[in-house]
């Protein structure tokens, strides 16, 4: 028995900014991108849950990307991707994180009233 392959040979007739699959004129590249995206789904859900729990636990003070990196071991790129996934749940906090002369945005969980608006 063979597993049927996904069809990635059609034209790019959709908004490429909303794609999980990398836009490419090469069908093999689109197939590889799709398979990688599907394979990453369980890890992505776990990472989203972990990051959101840390942001919620930080309360009104919030937590910055460097603090999240230290707490989770996730790379900055991963944290930026998780922020994109969870953008409806968090917002910048009032204070900033300072480390070695640099400042970073702290993120906090949105309140119920902020979520409603």
Protein backbone atom coordinates (compact mmCIF):
# COMPACT_ATOMS: atom_id res chain seq x y z
CA UNK A 1 0.00 0.00 0.00
CA UNK A 2 1.28 3.44 -0.85
CA UNK A 3 0.28 6.70 0.74
CA UNK A 4 -1.17 9.14 -1.78
CA UNK A 5 0.90 12.28 -2.22
CA UNK A 6 -0.55 15.70 -1.63
CA UNK A 7 -1.11 17.76 -4.76
CA UNK A 8 1.08 20.86 -4.75
CA UNK A 9 1.20 21.30 -8.51
CA UNK A 10 -1.68 23.73 -8.86
CA UNK A 11 -1.22 27.47 -9.34
CA UNK A 12 -0.75 29.78 -6.35
CA UNK A 13 -4.27 31.22 -6.47
CA UNK A 14 -4.53 32.27 -2.81
CA UNK A 15 -3.13 34.95 -0.52
CA UNK A 16 0.48 33.94 0.02
CA UNK A 17 0.73 36.09 3.17
CA UNK A 18 -1.63 33.68 4.94
CA UNK A 19 0.21 30.53 3.96
CA UNK A 20 1.72 28.01 6.31
CA UNK A 21 3.28 26.51 3.21
CA UNK A 22 6.15 28.48 1.70
CA UNK A 23 5.11 30.06 -1.60
CA UNK A 24 7.28 28.64 -4.35
CA UNK A 25 7.03 27.92 -8.04
CA UNK A 26 8.68 24.56 -7.33
CA UNK A 27 6.15 21.87 -6.33
CA UNK A 28 8.76 19.84 -4.43
CA UNK A 29 9.59 22.88 -2.27
CA UNK A 30 5.91 23.45 -1.43
CA UNK A 31 5.50 19.77 -0.57
CA UNK A 32 8.54 19.83 1.73
CA UNK A 33 7.25 22.98 3.41
CA UNK A 34 3.80 21.47 3.97
CA UNK A 35 5.20 18.26 5.41
CA UNK A 36 7.43 20.23 7.79
CA UNK A 37 4.48 22.39 8.91
CA UNK A 38 2.35 19.33 9.61
CA UNK A 39 5.20 17.64 11.47
CA UNK A 40 5.71 20.73 13.66
CA UNK A 41 2.08 20.98 14.84
CA UNK A 42 2.40 18.96 18.11
CA UNK A 43 5.51 20.89 19.19
CA UNK A 44 3.90 24.19 18.24
CA UNK A 45 0.84 23.52 20.41
CA UNK A 46 3.02 22.53 23.37
CA UNK A 47 5.19 25.64 22.94
CA UNK A 48 2.13 27.91 22.68
CA UNK A 49 0.68 26.44 25.87
CA UNK A 50 3.97 26.79 27.75
CA UNK A 51 4.60 30.39 26.64
CA UNK A 52 1.03 31.48 27.39
CA UNK A 53 1.22 29.92 30.87
CA UNK A 54 4.43 31.85 31.62
CA UNK A 55 2.94 35.12 30.38
CA UNK A 56 -0.18 34.55 32.46
CA UNK A 57 1.93 33.75 35.55
CA UNK A 58 3.94 36.98 35.07
CA UNK A 59 0.80 39.03 35.77
CA UNK A 60 0.67 42.78 35.15
CA UNK A 61 4.48 43.14 35.26
CA UNK A 62 4.78 40.88 32.23
CA UNK A 63 7.72 38.93 30.86
CA UNK A 64 10.20 39.79 28.10
CA UNK A 65 11.60 37.69 25.29
CA UNK A 66 15.01 37.28 27.02
CA UNK A 67 13.24 36.11 30.18
CA UNK A 68 11.11 33.71 28.13
CA UNK A 69 14.24 32.41 26.39
CA UNK A 70 15.86 31.67 29.76
CA UNK A 71 12.71 30.07 31.17
CA UNK A 72 11.90 27.88 28.16
CA UNK A 73 15.12 27.38 26.22
CA UNK A 74 13.25 28.40 23.04
CA UNK A 75 15.07 30.54 20.49
CA UNK A 76 14.08 34.14 19.80
CA UNK A 77 12.68 33.05 16.41
CA UNK A 78 10.45 30.47 18.08
CA UNK A 79 9.19 33.02 20.59
CA UNK A 80 8.39 35.51 17.82
CA UNK A 81 6.42 32.80 16.00
CA UNK A 82 4.54 31.94 19.20
CA UNK A 83 3.76 35.63 19.69
CA UNK A 84 2.22 35.62 16.22
CA UNK A 85 0.12 32.56 17.09
CA UNK A 86 -1.04 34.04 20.40
CA UNK A 87 -1.33 37.72 19.47
CA UNK A 88 -4.99 37.87 20.48
CA UNK A 89 -4.09 36.79 24.05
CA UNK A 90 -1.28 39.16 24.99
CA UNK A 91 -0.27 42.79 24.82
CA UNK A 92 2.74 44.92 25.84
CA UNK A 93 3.01 45.53 29.59
CA UNK A 94 3.51 48.98 31.11
CA UNK A 95 7.13 48.34 32.16
CA UNK A 96 10.15 47.28 30.11
CA UNK A 97 12.84 44.72 30.93
CA UNK A 98 16.40 46.07 31.18
CA UNK A 99 19.47 43.93 30.63
CA UNK A 100 23.03 45.08 30.00
CA UNK A 101 22.01 48.52 28.75
CA UNK A 102 19.21 47.30 26.47
CA UNK A 103 15.50 47.45 27.08
CA UNK A 104 12.94 44.91 25.92
CA UNK A 105 9.16 44.90 25.73
CA UNK A 106 7.49 42.89 28.46
CA UNK A 107 4.35 40.99 27.48
CA UNK A 108 1.32 40.45 29.68
CA UNK A 109 -1.92 38.54 29.30
CA UNK A 110 -4.86 40.65 28.10
CA UNK A 111 -7.69 41.17 30.55
CA UNK A 112 -11.19 39.91 29.78
CA UNK A 113 -12.33 43.42 28.86
CA UNK A 114 -9.38 43.80 26.46
CA UNK A 115 -10.19 40.44 24.89
CA UNK A 116 -13.82 41.51 24.34
CA UNK A 117 -12.90 44.68 22.48
